[in-house]
Amino acid sequence: MNIKDKYKYRFRPEYNSENLLIEIFSGVENQNFFSDLLNSIIEINPKIEEVSELWMNDEFILEVQSDIGNFSLSKDIWDLAFIMSENNQE
């Protein structure tokens, strides 16, 4: 299966905000999700700086540093993932 067929995503505003995010809404349940994602952006040299597990929300948040700026990757139990950045909207 082609990686483009594995995942579906959209670029949209955050809830109640003008900040933009990438919402990945299909394929997140795949056990290779994190490695596929990091391999797909390898050219910006992503480096995971911190991993937080929010047990009350059953959510993981990875803080990632890259050549184009820092961003957060959130994955929850509903098989949704979000890529967000407060100070790196470009």
PDB file of N, CA and C in Angstrom:
ATOM      1  N   MET A   1       0.840  -1.187   0.000  1.00  0.00           N
ATOM      2  CA  MET A   1       0.000   0.000   0.000  1.00  0.00           C
ATOM      3  C   MET A   1       0.882   1.245   0.000  1.00  0.00           C
ATOM      4  N   ASN A   2       0.552   2.177  -0.851  1.00  0.00           N
ATOM      5  CA  ASN A   2       1.250   3.449  -0.947  1.00  0.00           C
ATOM      6  C   ASN A   2       0.971   4.261   0.322  1.00  0.00           C
ATOM      7  N   ILE A   3       2.003   4.934   0.827  1.00  0.00           N
ATOM      8  CA  ILE A   3       1.828   5.723   2.059  1.00  0.00           C
ATOM      9  C   ILE A   3       0.767   6.815   1.890  1.00  0.00           C
ATOM     10  N   LYS A   4       0.609   7.329   0.677  1.00  0.00           N
ATOM     11  CA  LYS A   4      -0.415   8.353   0.436  1.00  0.00           C
ATOM     12  C   LYS A   4      -1.814   7.806   0.642  1.00  0.00           C
ATOM     13  N   ASP A   5      -1.975   6.492   0.463  1.00  0.00           N
ATOM     14  CA  ASP A   5      -3.282   5.868   0.649  1.00  0.00           C
ATOM     15  C   ASP A   5      -3.544   5.486   2.107  1.00  0.00           C
ATOM     16  N   LYS A   6      -2.500   5.454   2.940  1.00  0.00           N
ATOM     17  CA  LYS A   6      -2.629   5.044   4.337  1.00  0.00           C
ATOM     18  C   LYS A   6      -3.244   6.110   5.222  1.00  0.00           C
ATOM     19  N   TYR A   7      -2.964   7.375   4.937  1.00  0.00           N
ATOM     20  CA  TYR A   7      -3.326   8.465   5.840  1.00  0.00           C
ATOM     21  C   TYR A   7      -4.127   9.545   5.129  1.00  0.00           C
ATOM     22  N   LYS A   8      -5.062  10.129   5.865  1.00  0.00           N
ATOM     23  CA  LYS A   8      -5.830  11.260   5.348  1.00  0.00           C
ATOM     24  C   LYS A   8      -5.703  12.394   6.358  1.00  0.00           C
ATOM     25  N   TYR A   9      -5.555  13.611   5.835  1.00  0.00           N
ATOM     26  CA  TYR A   9      -5.361  14.757   6.722  1.00  0.00           C
ATOM     27  C   TYR A   9      -5.964  16.004   6.094  1.00  0.00           C
ATOM     28  N   ARG A  10      -6.098  17.026   6.918  1.00  0.00           N
ATOM     29  CA  ARG A  10      -6.576  18.327   6.430  1.00  0.00           C
ATOM     30  C   ARG A  10      -5.844  19.435   7.184  1.00  0.00           C
ATOM     31  N   PHE A  11      -5.753  20.560   6.542  1.00  0.00           N
ATOM     32  CA  PHE A  11      -5.135  21.762   7.085  1.00  0.00           C
ATOM     33  C   PHE A  11      -6.285  22.672   7.475  1.00  0.00           C
ATOM     34  N   ARG A  12      -6.352  23.063   8.753  1.00  0.00           N
ATOM     35  CA  ARG A  12      -7.506  23.843   9.206  1.00  0.00           C
ATOM     36  C   ARG A  12      -7.133  24.691  10.422  1.00  0.00           C
ATOM     37  N   PRO A  13      -8.009  25.653  10.786  1.00  0.00           N
ATOM     38  CA  PRO A  13      -7.764  26.437  11.995  1.00  0.00           C
ATOM     39  C   PRO A  13      -7.999  25.598  13.248  1.00  0.00           C
ATOM     40  N   GLU A  14      -7.283  25.936  14.331  1.00  0.00           N
ATOM     41  CA  GLU A  14      -7.549  25.332  15.631  1.00  0.00           C
ATOM     42  C   GLU A  14      -8.925  25.789  16.098  1.00  0.00           C
ATOM     43  N   TYR A  15      -9.523  25.030  17.011  1.00  0.00           N
ATOM     44  CA  TYR A  15     -10.813  25.436  17.577  1.00  0.00           C
ATOM     45  C   TYR A  15     -10.668  26.772  18.293  1.00  0.00           C
ATOM     46  N   ASN A  16     -11.579  27.695  18.012  1.00  0.00           N
ATOM     47  CA  ASN A  16     -11.632  29.012  18.643  1.00  0.00           C
ATOM     48  C   ASN A  16     -10.312  29.776  18.537  1.00  0.00           C
ATOM     49  N   SER A  17      -9.637  29.653  17.402  1.00  0.00           N
ATOM     50  CA  SER A  17      -8.341  30.313  17.227  1.00  0.00           C
ATOM     51  C   SER A  17      -8.109  30.598  15.751  1.00  0.00           C
ATOM     52  N   GLU A  18      -7.186  31.516  15.508  1.00  0.00           N
ATOM     53  CA  GLU A  18      -6.769  31.782  14.136  1.00  0.00           C
ATOM     54  C   GLU A  18      -5.534  30.964  13.761  1.00  0.00           C
ATOM     55  N   ASN A  19      -4.926  30.298  14.755  1.00  0.00           N
ATOM     56  CA  ASN A  19      -3.776  29.438  14.468  1.00  0.00           C
ATOM     57  C   ASN A  19      -4.206  28.266  13.603  1.00  0.00           C
ATOM     58  N   LEU A  20      -3.304  27.822  12.748  1.00  0.00           N
ATOM     59  CA  LEU A  20      -3.583  26.705  11.864  1.00  0.00           C
ATOM     60  C   LEU A  20      -2.939  25.432  12.398  1.00  0.00           C
ATOM     61  N   LEU A  21      -3.501  24.290  12.019  1.00  0.00           N
ATOM     62  CA  LEU A  21      -2.940  23.001  12.397  1.00  0.00           C
ATOM     63  C   LEU A  21      -3.166  22.008  11.270  1.00  0.00           C
ATOM     64  N   ILE A  22      -2.525  20.873  11.381  1.00  0.00           N
ATOM     65  CA  ILE A  22      -2.767  19.755  10.477  1.00  0.00           C
ATOM     66  C   ILE A  22      -3.441  18.671  11.309  1.00  0.00           C
ATOM     67  N   GLU A  23      -4.628  18.266  10.874  1.00  0.00           N
ATOM     68  CA  GLU A  23      -5.367  17.205  11.545  1.00  0.00           C
ATOM     69  C   GLU A  23      -5.252  15.936  10.704  1.00  0.00           C
ATOM     70  N   ILE A  24      -4.747  14.880  11.299  1.00  0.00           N
ATOM     71  CA  ILE A  24      -4.659  13.591  10.618  1.00  0.00           C
ATOM     72  C   ILE A  24      -5.789  12.749  11.185  1.00  0.00           C
ATOM     73  N   PHE A  25      -6.753  12.388  10.333  1.00  0.00           N
ATOM     74  CA  PHE A  25      -7.977  11.770  10.817  1.00  0.00           C
ATOM     75  C   PHE A  25      -8.195  10.349  10.333  1.00  0.00           C
ATOM     76  N   SER A  26      -7.287   9.827   9.532  1.00  0.00           N
ATOM     77  CA  SER A  26      -7.417   8.450   9.063  1.00  0.00           C
ATOM     78  C   SER A  26      -6.034   7.828   8.968  1.00  0.00           C
ATOM     79  N   GLY A  27      -5.885   6.643   9.539  1.00  0.00           N
ATOM     80  CA  GLY A  27      -4.618   5.935   9.508  1.00  0.00           C
ATOM     81  C   GLY A  27      -3.818   6.051  10.785  1.00  0.00           C
ATOM     82  N   VAL A  28      -4.256   6.900  11.710  1.00  0.00           N
ATOM     83  CA  VAL A  28      -3.514   7.143  12.951  1.00  0.00           C
ATOM     84  C   VAL A  28      -3.439   5.872  13.798  1.00  0.00           C
ATOM     85  N   GLU A  29      -4.411   4.973  13.639  1.00  0.00           N
ATOM     86  CA  GLU A  29      -4.421   3.726  14.398  1.00  0.00           C
ATOM     87  C   GLU A  29      -3.329   2.750  13.943  1.00  0.00           C
ATOM     88  N   ASN A  30      -2.731   3.010  12.799  1.00  0.00           N
ATOM     89  CA  ASN A  30      -1.666   2.165  12.247  1.00  0.00           C
ATOM     90  C   ASN A  30      -0.488   2.117  13.221  1.00  0.00           C
ATOM     91  N   GLN A  31       0.024   0.944  13.514  1.00  0.00           N
ATOM     92  CA  GLN A  31       1.136   0.831  14.462  1.00  0.00           C
ATOM     93  C   GLN A  31       2.407   1.497  13.958  1.00  0.00           C
ATOM     94  N   ASN A  32       2.507   1.767  12.675  1.00  0.00           N
ATOM     95  CA  ASN A  32       3.677   2.445  12.107  1.00  0.00           C
ATOM     96  C   ASN A  32       3.463   3.944  11.936  1.00  0.00           C
ATOM     97  N   PHE A  33       2.394   4.480  12.532  1.00  0.00           N
ATOM     98  CA  PHE A  33       2.056   5.887  12.316  1.00  0.00           C
ATOM     99  C   PHE A  33       3.222   6.833  12.611  1.00  0.00           C
ATOM    100  N   PHE A  34       3.799   6.728  13.814  1.00  0.00           N
ATOM    101  CA  PHE A  34       4.859   7.668  14.185  1.00  0.00           C
ATOM    102  C   PHE A  34       6.072   7.536  13.270  1.00  0.00           C
ATOM    103  N   SER A  35       6.493   6.319  12.974  1.00  0.00           N
ATOM    104  CA  SER A  35       7.664   6.152  12.103  1.00  0.00           C
ATOM    105  C   SER A  35       7.360   6.620  10.684  1.00  0.00           C
ATOM    106  N   ASP A  36       6.158   6.334  10.173  1.00  0.00           N
ATOM    107  CA  ASP A  36       5.781   6.820   8.840  1.00  0.00           C
ATOM    108  C   ASP A  36       5.795   8.342   8.792  1.00  0.00           C
ATOM    109  N   LEU A  37       5.235   8.971   9.817  1.00  0.00           N
ATOM    110  CA  LEU A  37       5.194  10.434   9.852  1.00  0.00           C
ATOM    111  C   LEU A  37       6.603  11.017   9.893  1.00  0.00           C
ATOM    112  N   LEU A  38       7.415  10.534  10.810  1.00  0.00           N
ATOM    113  CA  LEU A  38       8.777  11.069  10.932  1.00  0.00           C
ATOM    114  C   LEU A  38       9.601  10.802   9.675  1.00  0.00           C
ATOM    115  N   ASN A  39       9.408   9.652   9.045  1.00  0.00           N
ATOM    116  CA  ASN A  39      10.116   9.373   7.785  1.00  0.00           C
ATOM    117  C   ASN A  39       9.637  10.280   6.655  1.00  0.00           C
ATOM    118  N   SER A  40       8.371  10.684   6.690  1.00  0.00           N
ATOM    119  CA  SER A  40       7.847  11.543   5.627  1.00  0.00           C
ATOM    120  C   SER A  40       8.368  12.981   5.714  1.00  0.00           C
ATOM    121  N   ILE A  41       8.855  13.375   6.901  1.00  0.00           N
ATOM    122  CA  ILE A  41       9.378  14.742   7.067  1.00  0.00           C
ATOM    123  C   ILE A  41      10.872  14.737   7.372  1.00  0.00           C
ATOM    124  N   ILE A  42      11.547  13.677   7.020  1.00  0.00           N
ATOM    125  CA  ILE A  42      12.965  13.501   7.354  1.00  0.00           C
ATOM    126  C   ILE A  42      13.831  14.653   6.853  1.00  0.00           C
ATOM    127  N   GLU A  43      13.450  15.269   5.748  1.00  0.00           N
ATOM    128  CA  GLU A  43      14.294  16.331   5.190  1.00  0.00           C
ATOM    129  C   GLU A  43      14.320  17.604   6.035  1.00  0.00           C
ATOM    130  N   ILE A  44      13.404  17.751   6.995  1.00  0.00           N
ATOM    131  CA  ILE A  44      13.465  18.915   7.892  1.00  0.00           C
ATOM    132  C   ILE A  44      14.148  18.553   9.209  1.00  0.00           C
ATOM    133  N   ASN A  45      14.718  17.348   9.284  1.00  0.00           N
ATOM    134  CA  ASN A  45      15.480  16.877  10.449  1.00  0.00           C
ATOM    135  C   ASN A  45      14.697  16.964  11.763  1.00  0.00           C
ATOM    136  N   PRO A  46      13.562  16.256  11.855  1.00  0.00           N
ATOM    137  CA  PRO A  46      12.797  16.294  13.107  1.00  0.00           C
ATOM    138  C   PRO A  46      13.553  15.588  14.224  1.00  0.00           C
ATOM    139  N   LYS A  47      13.497  16.164  15.400  1.00  0.00           N
ATOM    140  CA  LYS A  47      14.147  15.584  16.573  1.00  0.00           C
ATOM    141  C   LYS A  47      13.170  15.704  17.737  1.00  0.00           C
ATOM    142  N   ILE A  48      12.772  14.569  18.289  1.00  0.00           N
ATOM    143  CA  ILE A  48      11.829  14.569  19.404  1.00  0.00           C
ATOM    144  C   ILE A  48      12.556  15.041  20.653  1.00  0.00           C
ATOM    145  N   GLU A  49      12.075  16.132  21.225  1.00  0.00           N
ATOM    146  CA  GLU A  49      12.690  16.735  22.398  1.00  0.00           C
ATOM    147  C   GLU A  49      12.067  16.235  23.698  1.00  0.00           C
ATOM    148  N   GLU A  50      10.756  15.983  23.671  1.00  0.00           N
ATOM    149  CA  GLU A  50      10.048  15.596  24.888  1.00  0.00           C
ATOM    150  C   GLU A  50       8.797  14.807  24.513  1.00  0.00           C
ATOM    151  N   VAL A  51       8.462  13.818  25.323  1.00  0.00           N
ATOM    152  CA  VAL A  51       7.227  13.054  25.142  1.00  0.00           C
ATOM    153  C   VAL A  51       6.445  13.155  26.447  1.00  0.00           C
ATOM    154  N   SER A  52       5.190  13.572  26.340  1.00  0.00           N
ATOM    155  CA  SER A  52       4.316  13.672  27.516  1.00  0.00           C
ATOM    156  C   SER A  52       3.112  12.763  27.303  1.00  0.00           C
ATOM    157  N   GLU A  53       2.727  12.078  28.350  1.00  0.00           N
ATOM    158  CA  GLU A  53       1.522  11.262  28.304  1.00  0.00           C
ATOM    159  C   GLU A  53       0.511  11.901  29.231  1.00  0.00           C
ATOM    160  N   LEU A  54      -0.597  12.344  28.661  1.00  0.00           N
ATOM    161  CA  LEU A  54      -1.658  12.962  29.457  1.00  0.00           C
ATOM    162  C   LEU A  54      -2.674  11.882  29.777  1.00  0.00           C
ATOM    163  N   TRP A  55      -2.484  11.201  30.889  1.00  0.00           N
ATOM    164  CA  TRP A  55      -3.322  10.048  31.236  1.00  0.00           C
ATOM    165  C   TRP A  55      -4.789  10.426  31.390  1.00  0.00           C
ATOM    166  N   MET A  56      -5.086  11.662  31.813  1.00  0.00           N
ATOM    167  CA  MET A  56      -6.482  12.044  31.995  1.00  0.00           C
ATOM    168  C   MET A  56      -7.206  12.204  30.663  1.00  0.00           C
ATOM    169  N   ASN A  57      -6.464  12.410  29.583  1.00  0.00           N
ATOM    170  CA  ASN A  57      -7.052  12.514  28.246  1.00  0.00           C
ATOM    171  C   ASN A  57      -6.676  11.331  27.364  1.00  0.00           C
ATOM    172  N   ASP A  58      -5.892  10.397  27.892  1.00  0.00           N
ATOM    173  CA  ASP A  58      -5.367   9.297  27.079  1.00  0.00           C
ATOM    174  C   ASP A  58      -4.763   9.829  25.785  1.00  0.00           C
ATOM    175  N   GLU A  59      -3.815  10.735  25.948  1.00  0.00           N
ATOM    176  CA  GLU A  59      -3.218  11.434  24.814  1.00  0.00           C
ATOM    177  C   GLU A  59      -1.705  11.474  24.998  1.00  0.00           C
ATOM    178  N   PHE A  60      -0.997  11.388  23.883  1.00  0.00           N
ATOM    179  CA  PHE A  60       0.450  11.566  23.868  1.00  0.00           C
ATOM    180  C   PHE A  60       0.756  12.870  23.150  1.00  0.00           C
ATOM    181  N   ILE A  61       1.707  13.629  23.667  1.00  0.00           N
ATOM    182  CA  ILE A  61       2.157  14.843  22.991  1.00  0.00           C
ATOM    183  C   ILE A  61       3.667  14.770  22.848  1.00  0.00           C
ATOM    184  N   LEU A  62       4.121  14.876  21.623  1.00  0.00           N
ATOM    185  CA  LEU A  62       5.551  14.897  21.334  1.00  0.00           C
ATOM    186  C   LEU A  62       5.941  16.312  20.966  1.00  0.00           C
ATOM    187  N   GLU A  63       6.955  16.832  21.606  1.00  0.00           N
ATOM    188  CA  GLU A  63       7.507  18.145  21.249  1.00  0.00           C
ATOM    189  C   GLU A  63       8.668  17.870  20.303  1.00  0.00           C
ATOM    190  N   VAL A  64       8.593  18.453  19.112  1.00  0.00           N
ATOM    191  CA  VAL A  64       9.561  18.159  18.056  1.00  0.00           C
ATOM    192  C   VAL A  64      10.284  19.436  17.642  1.00  0.00           C
ATOM    193  N   GLN A  65      11.582  19.333  17.512  1.00  0.00           N
ATOM    194  CA  GLN A  65      12.408  20.423  17.004  1.00  0.00           C
ATOM    195  C   GLN A  65      12.814  20.039  15.584  1.00  0.00           C
ATOM    196  N   SER A  66      12.832  21.017  14.672  1.00  0.00           N
ATOM    197  CA  SER A  66      13.218  20.735  13.283  1.00  0.00           C
ATOM    198  C   SER A  66      13.948  21.939  12.691  1.00  0.00           C
ATOM    199  N   ASP A  67      14.458  21.757  11.499  1.00  0.00           N
ATOM    200  CA  ASP A  67      15.154  22.845  10.807  1.00  0.00           C
ATOM    201  C   ASP A  67      14.236  24.018  10.477  1.00  0.00           C
ATOM    202  N   ILE A  68      12.926  23.770  10.394  1.00  0.00           N
ATOM    203  CA  ILE A  68      12.001  24.854  10.046  1.00  0.00           C
ATOM    204  C   ILE A  68      11.232  25.376  11.262  1.00  0.00           C
ATOM    205  N   GLY A  69      11.580  24.903  12.446  1.00  0.00           N
ATOM    206  CA  GLY A  69      10.941  25.381  13.668  1.00  0.00           C
ATOM    207  C   GLY A  69      10.401  24.237  14.512  1.00  0.00           C
ATOM    208  N   ASN A  70       9.903  24.597  15.673  1.00  0.00           N
ATOM    209  CA  ASN A  70       9.376  23.616  16.613  1.00  0.00           C
ATOM    210  C   ASN A  70       7.884  23.413  16.397  1.00  0.00           C
ATOM    211  N   PHE A  71       7.418  22.212  16.711  1.00  0.00           N
ATOM    212  CA  PHE A  71       5.994  21.924  16.635  1.00  0.00           C
ATOM    213  C   PHE A  71       5.652  20.808  17.606  1.00  0.00           C
ATOM    214  N   SER A  72       4.365  20.654  17.867  1.00  0.00           N
ATOM    215  CA  SER A  72       3.865  19.600  18.744  1.00  0.00           C
ATOM    216  C   SER A  72       3.069  18.617  17.910  1.00  0.00           C
ATOM    217  N   LEU A  73       3.182  17.352  18.274  1.00  0.00           N
ATOM    218  CA  LEU A  73       2.405  16.300  17.645  1.00  0.00           C
ATOM    219  C   LEU A  73       1.589  15.629  18.738  1.00  0.00           C
ATOM    220  N   SER A  74       0.282  15.696  18.607  1.00  0.00           N
ATOM    221  CA  SER A  74      -0.624  15.135  19.594  1.00  0.00           C
ATOM    222  C   SER A  74      -1.351  13.949  18.977  1.00  0.00           C
ATOM    223  N   LYS A  75      -1.449  12.840  19.724  1.00  0.00           N
ATOM    224  CA  LYS A  75      -2.193  11.660  19.278  1.00  0.00           C
ATOM    225  C   LYS A  75      -3.083  11.215  20.428  1.00  0.00           C
ATOM    226  N   ASP A  76      -4.386  10.994  20.131  1.00  0.00           N
ATOM    227  CA  ASP A  76      -5.316  10.637  21.196  1.00  0.00           C
ATOM    228  C   ASP A  76      -5.926   9.249  20.981  1.00  0.00           C
ATOM    229  N   ILE A  77      -6.765   8.825  21.922  1.00  0.00           N
ATOM    230  CA  ILE A  77      -7.361   7.487  21.858  1.00  0.00           C
ATOM    231  C   ILE A  77      -8.446   7.370  20.788  1.00  0.00           C
ATOM    232  N   TRP A  78      -8.878   8.461  20.228  1.00  0.00           N
ATOM    233  CA  TRP A  78      -9.885   8.440  19.174  1.00  0.00           C
ATOM    234  C   TRP A  78      -9.231   8.325  17.803  1.00  0.00           C
ATOM    235  N   ASP A  79      -7.947   8.007  17.790  1.00  0.00           N
ATOM    236  CA  ASP A  79      -7.186   7.842  16.550  1.00  0.00           C
ATOM    237  C   ASP A  79      -7.195   9.103  15.701  1.00  0.00           C
ATOM    238  N   LEU A  80      -7.006  10.216  16.373  1.00  0.00           N
ATOM    239  CA  LEU A  80      -6.792  11.498  15.717  1.00  0.00           C
ATOM    240  C   LEU A  80      -5.405  11.982  16.111  1.00  0.00           C
ATOM    241  N   ALA A  81      -4.764  12.672  15.194  1.00  0.00           N
ATOM    242  CA  ALA A  81      -3.464  13.269  15.495  1.00  0.00           C
ATOM    243  C   ALA A  81      -3.477  14.699  14.979  1.00  0.00           C
ATOM    244  N   PHE A  82      -2.768  15.565  15.681  1.00  0.00           N
ATOM    245  CA  PHE A  82      -2.708  16.973  15.306  1.00  0.00           C
ATOM    246  C   PHE A  82      -1.262  17.428  15.339  1.00  0.00           C
ATOM    247  N   ILE A  83      -0.876  18.190  14.334  1.00  0.00           N
ATOM    248  CA  ILE A  83       0.434  18.837  14.310  1.00  0.00           C
ATOM    249  C   ILE A  83       0.164  20.321  14.482  1.00  0.00           C
ATOM    250  N   MET A  84       0.724  20.893  15.574  1.00  0.00           N
ATOM    251  CA  MET A  84       0.421  22.274  15.942  1.00  0.00           C
ATOM    252  C   MET A  84       1.697  23.027  16.257  1.00  0.00           C
ATOM    253  N   SER A  85       1.631  24.327  16.046  1.00  0.00           N
ATOM    254  CA  SER A  85       2.758  25.186  16.403  1.00  0.00           C
ATOM    255  C   SER A  85       2.239  26.576  16.714  1.00  0.00           C
ATOM    256  N   GLU A  86       2.576  27.062  17.898  1.00  0.00           N
ATOM    257  CA  GLU A  86       2.111  28.398  18.284  1.00  0.00           C
ATOM    258  C   GLU A  86       2.941  29.490  17.635  1.00  0.00           C
ATOM    259  N   ASN A  87       4.252  29.333  17.641  1.00  0.00           N
ATOM    260  CA  ASN A  87       5.132  30.409  17.182  1.00  0.00           C
ATOM    261  C   ASN A  87       5.765  30.119  15.823  1.00  0.00           C
ATOM    262  N   ASN A  88       5.245  29.143  15.121  1.00  0.00           N
ATOM    263  CA  ASN A  88       5.833  28.755  13.838  1.00  0.00           C
ATOM    264  C   ASN A  88       4.723  28.496  12.821  1.00  0.00           C
ATOM    265  N   GLN A  89       3.807  29.418  12.695  1.00  0.00           N
ATOM    266  CA  GLN A  89       2.662  29.222  11.819  1.00  0.00           C
ATOM    267  C   GLN A  89       3.026  29.168  10.331  1.00  0.00           C
ATOM    268  N   GLU A  90       4.111  29.791   9.952  1.00  0.00           N
ATOM    269  CA  GLU A  90       4.505  29.736   8.537  1.00  0.00           C
ATOM    270  C   GLU A  90       4.882  28.328   8.162  1.00  0.00           C
TER     271      GLU A  90
END
